[in-house]
């Protein structure tokens, strides 16, 4: 057990909400709020400066939403835990947040001690869903295939156009290792083992429509 406080970054476009959460968290000795950002882009640009352990992320923000921001932040710093703090309790929002890499989902109207509980859980490497979020995620029998995230669809398009991992990394300004990780996840989610299979999937599902790509 370390005595170093857990560093928290709050990303929410409503300053009053961010300030409220900050004052709650600062009442705990083992937590330290290192910053608040009103825009996702600000959090991405200042990630190294804040150096957070946990990011509390709102979903609906102008310019860039929390889901896209979550993917980009995790590309930059895979070890960061992202905990979505949202007013939306629909299964679509919750499952999308988890598939984009968030480790937990907490509704904004939960008791204050539950936010602390969620932070403790994700710091211990566990996924955390608050009671309201858990109740919304009913297991479905039908299609068990995981949906691709927006970032994964972008990378699938690039790969299906015949680009190498290095080409994709250059085009999206990410590391080759990050592309390889996304590629692995795409293959796992789609149950496809070869690049030719990815190209075929992209053609059959309209991913390549309008790109002018030919094979």
Protein backbone atom coordinates (compact mmCIF):
# COMPACT_ATOMS: atom_id res chain seq x y z
CA UNK A 1 0.00 0.00 0.00
CA UNK A 2 1.61 3.27 -1.08
CA UNK A 3 1.17 6.60 0.67
CA UNK A 4 1.38 8.55 -2.61
CA UNK A 5 -2.08 10.00 -3.39
CA UNK A 6 -3.85 8.80 -6.53
CA UNK A 7 -3.69 11.58 -9.14
CA UNK A 8 -7.07 12.45 -10.64
CA UNK A 9 -7.84 14.50 -13.76
CA UNK A 10 -11.44 15.67 -14.26
CA UNK A 11 -12.65 16.27 -17.85
CA UNK A 12 -16.10 17.89 -18.00
CA UNK A 13 -17.34 20.86 -20.03
CA UNK A 14 -19.51 22.09 -17.13
CA UNK A 15 -17.19 23.99 -14.74
CA UNK A 16 -19.66 23.79 -11.85
CA UNK A 17 -19.88 19.99 -12.18
CA UNK A 18 -16.08 19.69 -12.35
CA UNK A 19 -15.67 21.95 -9.30
CA UNK A 20 -18.27 19.95 -7.36
CA UNK A 21 -16.52 16.65 -8.11
CA UNK A 22 -13.15 18.20 -7.28
CA UNK A 23 -14.30 19.41 -3.86
CA UNK A 24 -15.73 15.93 -3.08
CA UNK A 25 -12.54 14.13 -4.08
CA UNK A 26 -10.23 16.54 -2.28
CA UNK A 27 -11.86 15.54 1.01
CA UNK A 28 -10.01 12.20 0.71
CA UNK A 29 -6.38 12.18 1.85
CA UNK A 30 -5.38 9.45 -0.60
CA UNK A 31 -6.64 11.35 -3.67
CA UNK A 32 -5.15 14.40 -5.37
CA UNK A 33 -6.96 16.31 -8.13
CA UNK A 34 -4.13 17.37 -10.47
CA UNK A 35 -6.36 19.34 -12.82
CA UNK A 36 -9.72 19.94 -14.47
CA UNK A 37 -10.28 20.37 -18.22
CA UNK A 38 -13.38 21.80 -19.89
CA UNK A 39 -12.49 20.21 -23.24
CA UNK A 40 -11.23 16.76 -24.22
CA UNK A 41 -8.56 18.22 -26.54
CA UNK A 42 -7.11 20.14 -23.61
CA UNK A 43 -6.81 16.91 -21.62
CA UNK A 44 -5.04 15.20 -24.55
CA UNK A 45 -2.61 18.09 -25.10
CA UNK A 46 -1.77 18.39 -21.38
CA UNK A 47 -1.71 14.68 -20.53
CA UNK A 48 2.02 14.55 -19.81
CA UNK A 49 1.79 17.70 -17.70
CA UNK A 50 -1.04 16.37 -15.52
CA UNK A 51 0.35 12.79 -15.42
CA UNK A 52 -2.92 11.36 -13.98
CA UNK A 53 -3.51 7.87 -12.64
CA UNK A 54 -7.28 8.12 -13.19
CA UNK A 55 -9.26 10.35 -15.56
CA UNK A 56 -12.92 11.07 -14.78
CA UNK A 57 -14.39 11.57 -18.25
CA UNK A 58 -17.69 13.14 -19.27
CA UNK A 59 -19.17 11.73 -22.49
CA UNK A 60 -21.02 14.60 -24.15
CA UNK A 61 -18.69 17.50 -24.84
CA UNK A 62 -18.44 19.90 -27.79
CA UNK A 63 -15.73 19.43 -30.48
CA UNK A 64 -14.59 16.04 -29.21
CA UNK A 65 -16.69 13.58 -27.23
CA UNK A 66 -15.51 11.46 -24.32
CA UNK A 67 -15.41 8.20 -26.31
CA UNK A 68 -12.98 9.50 -28.93
CA UNK A 69 -10.94 11.19 -26.22
CA UNK A 70 -10.77 7.94 -24.24
CA UNK A 71 -9.28 6.06 -27.21
CA UNK A 72 -6.71 8.76 -27.96
CA UNK A 73 -5.70 9.17 -24.30
CA UNK A 74 -5.21 5.41 -23.96
CA UNK A 75 -3.12 5.33 -27.13
CA UNK A 76 -0.85 7.95 -25.57
CA UNK A 77 -0.83 6.44 -22.07
CA UNK A 78 -2.15 2.86 -21.99
CA UNK A 79 -1.71 2.59 -18.21
CA UNK A 80 -4.13 5.42 -17.43
CA UNK A 81 -7.47 4.31 -15.96
CA UNK A 82 -10.47 6.08 -17.46
CA UNK A 83 -13.69 6.24 -15.49
CA UNK A 84 -16.70 7.62 -17.34
CA UNK A 85 -18.88 9.91 -15.24
CA UNK A 86 -22.13 10.50 -17.11
CA UNK A 87 -25.82 11.24 -16.72
CA UNK A 88 -26.71 8.66 -19.42
CA UNK A 89 -27.75 5.21 -18.20
CA UNK A 90 -28.65 3.61 -21.54
CA UNK A 91 -26.93 0.28 -22.37
CA UNK A 92 -25.59 1.73 -25.66
CA UNK A 93 -23.66 4.46 -23.84
CA UNK A 94 -22.30 2.08 -21.22
CA UNK A 95 -21.21 -0.71 -23.59
CA UNK A 96 -19.67 1.86 -25.99
CA UNK A 97 -17.66 3.41 -23.16
CA UNK A 98 -16.34 0.00 -22.11
CA UNK A 99 -15.52 -1.04 -25.67
CA UNK A 100 -13.56 2.21 -26.14
CA UNK A 101 -11.35 1.26 -23.20
CA UNK A 102 -13.00 2.85 -20.15
CA UNK A 103 -12.50 0.76 -17.00
CA UNK A 104 -15.65 1.95 -15.31
CA UNK A 105 -18.94 3.78 -15.68
CA UNK A 106 -20.55 5.86 -12.94
CA UNK A 107 -23.74 7.90 -13.16
CA UNK A 108 -23.45 11.50 -12.01
CA UNK A 109 -26.24 11.14 -9.47
CA UNK A 110 -24.53 8.41 -7.40
CA UNK A 111 -23.69 9.05 -3.72
CA UNK A 112 -20.30 10.76 -3.40
CA UNK A 113 -18.66 7.79 -1.71
CA UNK A 114 -19.42 5.63 -4.76
CA UNK A 115 -17.15 7.77 -6.94
CA UNK A 116 -14.34 7.06 -4.46
CA UNK A 117 -15.28 3.36 -4.51
CA UNK A 118 -15.05 3.37 -8.33
CA UNK A 119 -11.62 5.04 -8.28
CA UNK A 120 -10.34 2.46 -5.77
CA UNK A 121 -11.68 -0.37 -7.94
CA UNK A 122 -10.08 0.79 -11.21
CA UNK A 123 -6.79 1.51 -9.41
CA UNK A 124 -6.88 -2.13 -8.29
CA UNK A 125 -7.26 -3.16 -11.95
CA UNK A 126 -10.97 -4.02 -11.68
CA UNK A 127 -13.82 -2.91 -13.91
CA UNK A 128 -16.45 -0.87 -12.05
CA UNK A 129 -20.08 -0.29 -12.97
CA UNK A 130 -22.30 1.63 -10.57
CA UNK A 131 -25.60 -0.05 -9.63
CA UNK A 132 -27.65 1.97 -12.17
CA UNK A 133 -25.22 1.21 -14.99
CA UNK A 134 -25.04 -2.48 -14.09
CA UNK A 135 -28.82 -2.75 -14.19
CA UNK A 136 -28.90 -1.29 -17.72
CA UNK A 137 -26.44 -3.82 -19.12
CA UNK A 138 -28.60 -6.88 -19.55
CA UNK A 139 -26.75 -9.76 -21.23
CA UNK A 140 -28.04 -10.41 -24.74
CA UNK A 141 -28.26 -13.88 -26.25
CA UNK A 142 -28.24 -12.86 -29.90
CA UNK A 143 -25.17 -11.31 -31.43
CA UNK A 144 -22.21 -11.81 -29.13
CA UNK A 145 -19.75 -10.11 -31.49
CA UNK A 146 -18.15 -7.00 -30.02
CA UNK A 147 -18.64 -3.81 -32.03
CA UNK A 148 -15.60 -2.03 -33.45
CA UNK A 149 -14.86 1.37 -31.95
CA UNK A 150 -14.61 4.44 -34.20
CA UNK A 151 -10.82 4.32 -34.02
CA UNK A 152 -10.78 0.63 -34.93
CA UNK A 153 -13.03 1.31 -37.94
CA UNK A 154 -10.62 4.03 -39.09
CA UNK A 155 -7.68 1.64 -38.80
CA UNK A 156 -9.62 -1.16 -40.52
CA UNK A 157 -10.27 1.18 -43.45
CA UNK A 158 -6.55 2.02 -43.71
CA UNK A 159 -5.50 -1.64 -43.52
CA UNK A 160 -8.14 -2.69 -46.05
CA UNK A 161 -6.69 -0.13 -48.47
CA UNK A 162 -3.48 -2.14 -48.37
CA UNK A 163 -1.51 0.15 -46.05
CA UNK A 164 1.17 -1.32 -43.80
CA UNK A 165 1.22 -0.85 -40.03
CA UNK A 166 3.93 1.79 -40.53
CA UNK A 167 1.82 3.67 -43.13
CA UNK A 168 -1.19 3.66 -40.78
CA UNK A 169 0.95 4.84 -37.86
CA UNK A 170 2.25 7.77 -39.94
CA UNK A 171 -1.21 8.67 -41.25
CA UNK A 172 -2.79 8.70 -37.77
CA UNK A 173 0.26 10.00 -35.88
CA UNK A 174 0.41 7.01 -33.54
CA UNK A 175 3.08 4.38 -32.88
CA UNK A 176 3.44 1.20 -34.93
CA UNK A 177 2.92 -0.79 -31.71
CA UNK A 178 -0.44 0.98 -31.17
CA UNK A 179 -1.51 0.05 -34.71
CA UNK A 180 -0.50 -3.57 -34.07
CA UNK A 181 -2.58 -3.60 -30.86
CA UNK A 182 -5.62 -2.19 -32.68
CA UNK A 183 -5.11 -4.67 -35.53
CA UNK A 184 -5.02 -7.56 -33.03
CA UNK A 185 -8.21 -6.30 -31.35
CA UNK A 186 -9.99 -5.89 -34.70
CA UNK A 187 -9.11 -9.47 -35.72
CA UNK A 188 -10.24 -10.79 -32.33
CA UNK A 189 -13.54 -8.92 -32.40
CA UNK A 190 -14.32 -9.93 -35.98
CA UNK A 191 -12.98 -13.48 -35.66
CA UNK A 192 -10.71 -12.89 -38.66
CA UNK A 193 -7.10 -14.10 -38.74
CA UNK A 194 -5.70 -12.68 -42.00
CA UNK A 195 -5.29 -9.27 -43.64
CA UNK A 196 -7.07 -10.61 -46.74
CA UNK A 197 -9.98 -11.51 -44.46
CA UNK A 198 -10.05 -7.96 -43.08
CA UNK A 199 -10.13 -6.57 -46.63
CA UNK A 200 -12.97 -8.92 -47.56
CA UNK A 201 -14.91 -7.94 -44.41
CA UNK A 202 -14.39 -4.23 -45.23
CA UNK A 203 -15.72 -4.73 -48.77
CA UNK A 204 -18.71 -6.82 -47.67
CA UNK A 205 -19.70 -4.38 -44.91
CA UNK A 206 -19.33 -1.18 -46.93
CA UNK A 207 -16.30 0.11 -45.01
CA UNK A 208 -14.55 0.88 -48.31
CA UNK A 209 -17.54 2.54 -50.00
CA UNK A 210 -16.69 5.90 -51.45
CA UNK A 211 -12.94 5.58 -50.90
CA UNK A 212 -12.11 4.75 -54.49
CA UNK A 213 -10.02 1.80 -53.36
CA UNK A 214 -9.67 -1.06 -55.81
CA UNK A 215 -8.22 -4.57 -55.50
